[in-house]
Amino acid sequence: MTIDPQPDELVSSWLHRLAIVNGIAPRPFAGVLGLGGGMWSPRLDLQLPRDVAVLLGGQTGVPHEAISAMTMTGWALTPLLLPLRENARRNRSTWMQFCSLCLADEAPHFHRQWRLASRISCFVHGCGLRDRCPACHAGIAAPIRPT
């Protein structure tokens, strides 16, 4: 089963949604794509191997150019990206921010613009972006539900 990427969606977000809609947890899905362990998901946002884009395009019908365009590669604002951290400590920012209202929408996904350190609020809802769960203060660890 396939799902279409949403406008401004990060490739990692789409891959998580694609895995879940097919009944596969994201980590084993990464293995199917030939990706290693660790923080494979956010690293793909920075650089998606061409062979993975071609494989995904062939299996989903989404052109590999469109898939590659979901990354942060070659973006003029790349120097403003939040840094990747292997260990998201409670007193430090994580690699991703999010709008909890956007994630409650009908088609929840992580936006490319949320990776920017300069983005502090949601342009749609006008609320501040978060970088961790307000209840437990943990960084983002769970994938979002598919549409």
Protein backbone atom coordinates (compact mmCIF):
# COMPACT_ATOMS: atom_id res chain seq x y z
CA MET A 1 0.00 0.00 0.00
CA THR A 2 1.23 3.49 -0.73
CA ILE A 3 0.41 6.98 0.46
CA ASP A 4 1.21 10.27 -1.20
CA PRO A 5 3.63 12.71 0.38
CA GLN A 6 2.04 15.84 1.81
CA PRO A 7 3.12 19.35 0.75
CA ASP A 8 6.31 20.42 2.57
CA GLU A 9 6.69 16.94 4.15
CA LEU A 10 10.10 15.67 5.17
CA VAL A 11 11.17 12.44 3.51
CA SER A 12 11.68 10.85 6.96
CA SER A 13 8.08 11.68 7.90
CA TRP A 14 6.76 10.15 4.67
CA LEU A 15 8.85 7.00 5.17
CA HIS A 16 7.51 6.57 8.71
CA ARG A 17 3.94 6.97 7.46
CA LEU A 18 4.62 4.60 4.55
CA ALA A 19 6.01 1.96 6.91
CA ILE A 20 3.10 2.22 9.33
CA VAL A 21 0.41 2.07 6.65
CA ASN A 22 2.04 -1.18 5.47
CA GLY A 23 2.08 -2.64 8.98
CA ILE A 24 5.85 -2.38 9.43
CA ALA A 25 7.61 -0.53 12.22
CA PRO A 26 9.87 2.23 10.85
CA ARG A 27 13.16 0.68 12.07
CA PRO A 28 12.69 -2.67 10.23
CA PHE A 29 11.41 -0.71 7.23
CA ALA A 30 14.77 1.07 7.13
CA GLY A 31 16.40 -2.35 6.83
CA VAL A 32 14.18 -3.17 3.84
CA LEU A 33 15.50 0.00 2.20
CA GLY A 34 19.09 -1.03 2.94
CA LEU A 35 19.61 1.72 5.51
CA GLY A 36 21.69 1.25 8.63
CA GLY A 37 20.66 1.70 12.23
CA GLY A 38 21.11 4.70 14.45
CA MET A 39 19.44 7.94 13.50
CA TRP A 40 18.73 6.85 9.91
CA SER A 41 15.49 8.81 9.72
CA PRO A 42 16.71 12.39 10.29
CA ARG A 43 19.90 11.70 8.35
CA LEU A 44 17.83 10.89 5.26
CA ASP A 45 16.37 14.39 5.46
CA LEU A 46 19.89 15.70 4.96
CA GLN A 47 21.00 13.28 2.25
CA LEU A 48 18.86 10.61 0.60
CA PRO A 49 20.87 8.06 -1.39
CA ARG A 50 19.81 8.12 -5.04
CA ASP A 51 19.29 4.35 -5.10
CA VAL A 52 16.83 4.62 -2.19
CA ALA A 53 14.92 7.42 -3.97
CA VAL A 54 14.76 5.33 -7.16
CA LEU A 55 13.62 2.22 -5.21
CA LEU A 56 10.92 4.20 -3.40
CA GLY A 57 9.82 5.83 -6.65
CA GLY A 58 9.50 2.45 -8.35
CA GLN A 59 7.49 0.97 -5.50
CA THR A 60 5.22 3.97 -4.78
CA GLY A 61 4.82 5.67 -8.15
CA VAL A 62 6.14 8.92 -6.69
CA PRO A 63 8.90 10.21 -9.01
CA HIS A 64 12.34 9.88 -7.40
CA GLU A 65 12.95 13.56 -8.15
CA ALA A 66 9.89 14.45 -6.03
CA ILE A 67 11.14 12.16 -3.27
CA SER A 68 14.60 13.76 -3.35
CA ALA A 69 12.95 17.20 -3.20
CA MET A 70 11.53 16.23 0.23
CA THR A 71 15.06 16.40 1.68
CA MET A 72 16.97 19.41 2.96
CA THR A 73 19.75 18.89 0.39
CA GLY A 74 20.65 21.99 -1.58
CA TRP A 75 18.22 24.16 0.35
CA ALA A 76 19.46 27.72 0.79
CA LEU A 77 18.48 27.63 4.47
CA THR A 78 20.51 24.48 5.25
CA PRO A 79 22.90 26.39 7.59
CA LEU A 80 19.89 27.14 9.81
CA LEU A 81 18.98 23.49 10.46
CA LEU A 82 18.65 22.26 14.02
CA PRO A 83 21.62 20.02 14.81
CA LEU A 84 21.20 16.25 14.98
CA ARG A 85 21.90 14.82 18.40
CA GLU A 86 22.29 11.12 19.11
CA ASN A 87 21.06 11.72 22.66
CA ALA A 88 18.27 14.24 23.19
CA ARG A 89 18.86 15.48 26.72
CA ARG A 90 15.98 17.13 28.48
CA ASN A 91 17.78 20.46 28.78
CA ARG A 92 18.79 20.68 25.11
CA SER A 93 16.80 21.12 21.94
CA THR A 94 16.19 18.11 19.73
CA TRP A 95 16.68 17.85 15.95
CA MET A 96 13.01 18.46 15.20
CA GLN A 97 10.31 20.87 16.24
CA PHE A 98 6.61 20.38 15.69
CA CYS A 99 3.21 22.03 15.96
CA SER A 100 0.93 19.81 18.03
CA LEU A 101 -2.12 21.30 16.28
CA CYS A 102 -0.73 20.40 12.83
CA LEU A 103 -0.07 16.86 14.03
CA ALA A 104 -3.72 16.66 15.16
CA ASP A 105 -4.92 17.51 11.62
CA GLU A 106 -6.41 14.97 9.21
CA ALA A 107 -3.08 14.36 7.43
CA PRO A 108 -0.41 14.66 10.15
CA HIS A 109 3.18 14.86 8.97
CA PHE A 110 6.44 16.61 9.82
CA HIS A 111 7.15 19.71 7.76
CA ARG A 112 10.52 20.57 6.24
CA GLN A 113 10.35 24.06 7.76
CA TRP A 114 10.19 22.59 11.27
CA ARG A 115 13.84 21.52 10.93
CA LEU A 116 14.94 25.18 10.91
CA ALA A 117 16.31 26.65 14.13
CA SER A 118 14.93 30.03 13.01
CA ARG A 119 11.35 28.74 12.89
CA ILE A 120 9.77 29.20 16.32
CA SER A 121 6.06 29.29 15.52
CA CYS A 122 3.54 27.64 13.23
CA PHE A 123 2.45 29.89 10.39
CA VAL A 124 -0.87 28.03 10.15
CA HIS A 125 -1.93 27.99 13.81
CA GLY A 126 0.14 30.86 15.21
CA CYS A 127 1.33 28.81 18.19
CA GLY A 128 4.89 28.12 19.26
CA LEU A 129 6.66 25.03 17.98
CA ARG A 130 7.66 22.39 20.52
CA ASP A 131 10.75 20.21 20.50
CA ARG A 132 9.60 17.64 23.07
CA CYS A 133 6.53 16.20 24.74
CA PRO A 134 5.03 18.74 27.16
CA ALA A 135 4.05 15.95 29.59
CA CYS A 136 7.22 13.86 29.89
CA HIS A 137 9.74 16.28 28.30
CA ALA A 138 11.13 13.53 26.05
CA GLY A 139 12.34 14.35 22.55
CA ILE A 140 10.40 13.02 19.60
CA ALA A 141 10.66 9.24 19.62
CA ALA A 142 7.43 7.83 18.22
CA PRO A 143 6.24 8.01 14.63
CA ILE A 144 2.98 9.73 13.83
CA ARG A 145 -0.10 7.85 12.68
CA PRO A 146 -0.60 7.38 8.94
CA THR A 147 -3.36 9.16 7.04
